[in-house]
Amino acid sequence: MDSIEKTIVYYKAQSEKIISDVNQSSSLSADEIIEYGEKLAVLEYKLTALEIALTN
């Protein structure tokens, strides 16, 4: 497994953790939801770029 694939696995795990944290919490404030959303968006952009780089 090369470094791009390892990074993809890492970022997917981070995304899954954020989603899990949000789903398990019943008392998040609006600010916390926004913060989690921003972190998830950054990870998704990185994943997209890495997956494109992997196919090229």
C-alpha atoms as a PDB file:
ATOM      1  CA  MET A   1       0.000   0.000   0.000  1.00  0.00           C
ATOM      2  CA  ASP A   2       1.492   3.311  -1.036  1.00  0.00           C
ATOM      3  CA  SER A   3       1.360   6.566   0.885  1.00  0.00           C
ATOM      4  CA  ILE A   4      -1.701   7.890  -0.957  1.00  0.00           C
ATOM      5  CA  GLU A   5      -3.684   4.767  -0.123  1.00  0.00           C
ATOM      6  CA  LYS A   6      -2.577   4.918   3.515  1.00  0.00           C
ATOM      7  CA  THR A   7      -3.620   8.556   3.707  1.00  0.00           C
ATOM      8  CA  ILE A   8      -7.014   7.752   2.189  1.00  0.00           C
ATOM      9  CA  VAL A   9      -7.574   5.050   4.799  1.00  0.00           C
ATOM     10  CA  TYR A  10      -6.574   7.490   7.550  1.00  0.00           C
ATOM     11  CA  TYR A  11      -8.873  10.281   6.341  1.00  0.00           C
ATOM     12  CA  LYS A  12     -11.791   7.856   5.916  1.00  0.00           C
ATOM     13  CA  ALA A  13     -11.293   6.694   9.503  1.00  0.00           C
ATOM     14  CA  GLN A  14     -11.254  10.317  10.683  1.00  0.00           C
ATOM     15  CA  SER A  15     -14.470  11.028   8.757  1.00  0.00           C
ATOM     16  CA  GLU A  16     -16.168   7.971  10.229  1.00  0.00           C
ATOM     17  CA  LYS A  17     -15.131   9.060  13.728  1.00  0.00           C
ATOM     18  CA  ILE A  18     -16.637  12.520  13.244  1.00  0.00           C
ATOM     19  CA  ILE A  19     -19.877  11.039  11.924  1.00  0.00           C
ATOM     20  CA  SER A  20     -19.993   8.610  14.828  1.00  0.00           C
ATOM     21  CA  ASP A  21     -19.365  11.374  17.367  1.00  0.00           C
ATOM     22  CA  VAL A  22     -22.180  13.476  15.923  1.00  0.00           C
ATOM     23  CA  ASN A  23     -24.603  10.559  15.765  1.00  0.00           C
ATOM     24  CA  GLN A  24     -23.874   9.485  19.338  1.00  0.00           C
ATOM     25  CA  SER A  25     -24.363  12.921  20.861  1.00  0.00           C
ATOM     26  CA  SER A  26     -27.828  14.196  21.623  1.00  0.00           C
ATOM     27  CA  SER A  27     -26.784  17.536  23.044  1.00  0.00           C
ATOM     28  CA  LEU A  28     -24.642  19.255  20.444  1.00  0.00           C
ATOM     29  CA  SER A  29     -24.956  22.997  20.113  1.00  0.00           C
ATOM     30  CA  ALA A  30     -25.373  24.635  16.735  1.00  0.00           C
ATOM     31  CA  ASP A  31     -21.766  25.817  16.896  1.00  0.00           C
ATOM     32  CA  GLU A  32     -20.528  22.285  17.564  1.00  0.00           C
ATOM     33  CA  ILE A  33     -22.547  20.904  14.653  1.00  0.00           C
ATOM     34  CA  ILE A  34     -21.099  23.580  12.380  1.00  0.00           C
ATOM     35  CA  GLU A  35     -17.574  22.827  13.610  1.00  0.00           C
ATOM     36  CA  TYR A  36     -18.006  19.103  12.973  1.00  0.00           C
ATOM     37  CA  GLY A  37     -19.454  19.883   9.539  1.00  0.00           C
ATOM     38  CA  GLU A  38     -16.495  22.071   8.630  1.00  0.00           C
ATOM     39  CA  LYS A  39     -14.021  19.387   9.712  1.00  0.00           C
ATOM     40  CA  LEU A  40     -15.907  16.774   7.735  1.00  0.00           C
ATOM     41  CA  ALA A  41     -15.973  18.993   4.643  1.00  0.00           C
ATOM     42  CA  VAL A  42     -12.203  19.487   4.795  1.00  0.00           C
ATOM     43  CA  LEU A  43     -11.667  15.744   5.075  1.00  0.00           C
ATOM     44  CA  GLU A  44     -14.010  15.077   2.154  1.00  0.00           C
ATOM     45  CA  TYR A  45     -12.155  17.593  -0.046  1.00  0.00           C
ATOM     46  CA  LYS A  46      -8.850  15.942   0.857  1.00  0.00           C
ATOM     47  CA  LEU A  47     -10.258  12.483   0.160  1.00  0.00           C
ATOM     48  CA  THR A  48     -11.560  13.593  -3.219  1.00  0.00           C
ATOM     49  CA  ALA A  49      -8.190  15.055  -4.181  1.00  0.00           C
ATOM     50  CA  LEU A  50      -6.341  11.948  -3.049  1.00  0.00           C
ATOM     51  CA  GLU A  51      -8.682   9.615  -4.893  1.00  0.00           C
ATOM     52  CA  ILE A  52      -8.227  11.656  -8.068  1.00  0.00           C
ATOM     53  CA  ALA A  53      -4.449  11.565  -7.611  1.00  0.00           C
ATOM     54  CA  LEU A  54      -4.623   7.803  -7.134  1.00  0.00           C
ATOM     55  CA  THR A  55      -6.405   7.288 -10.458  1.00  0.00           C
ATOM     56  CA  ASN A  56      -3.958   9.439 -12.430  1.00  0.00           C
END
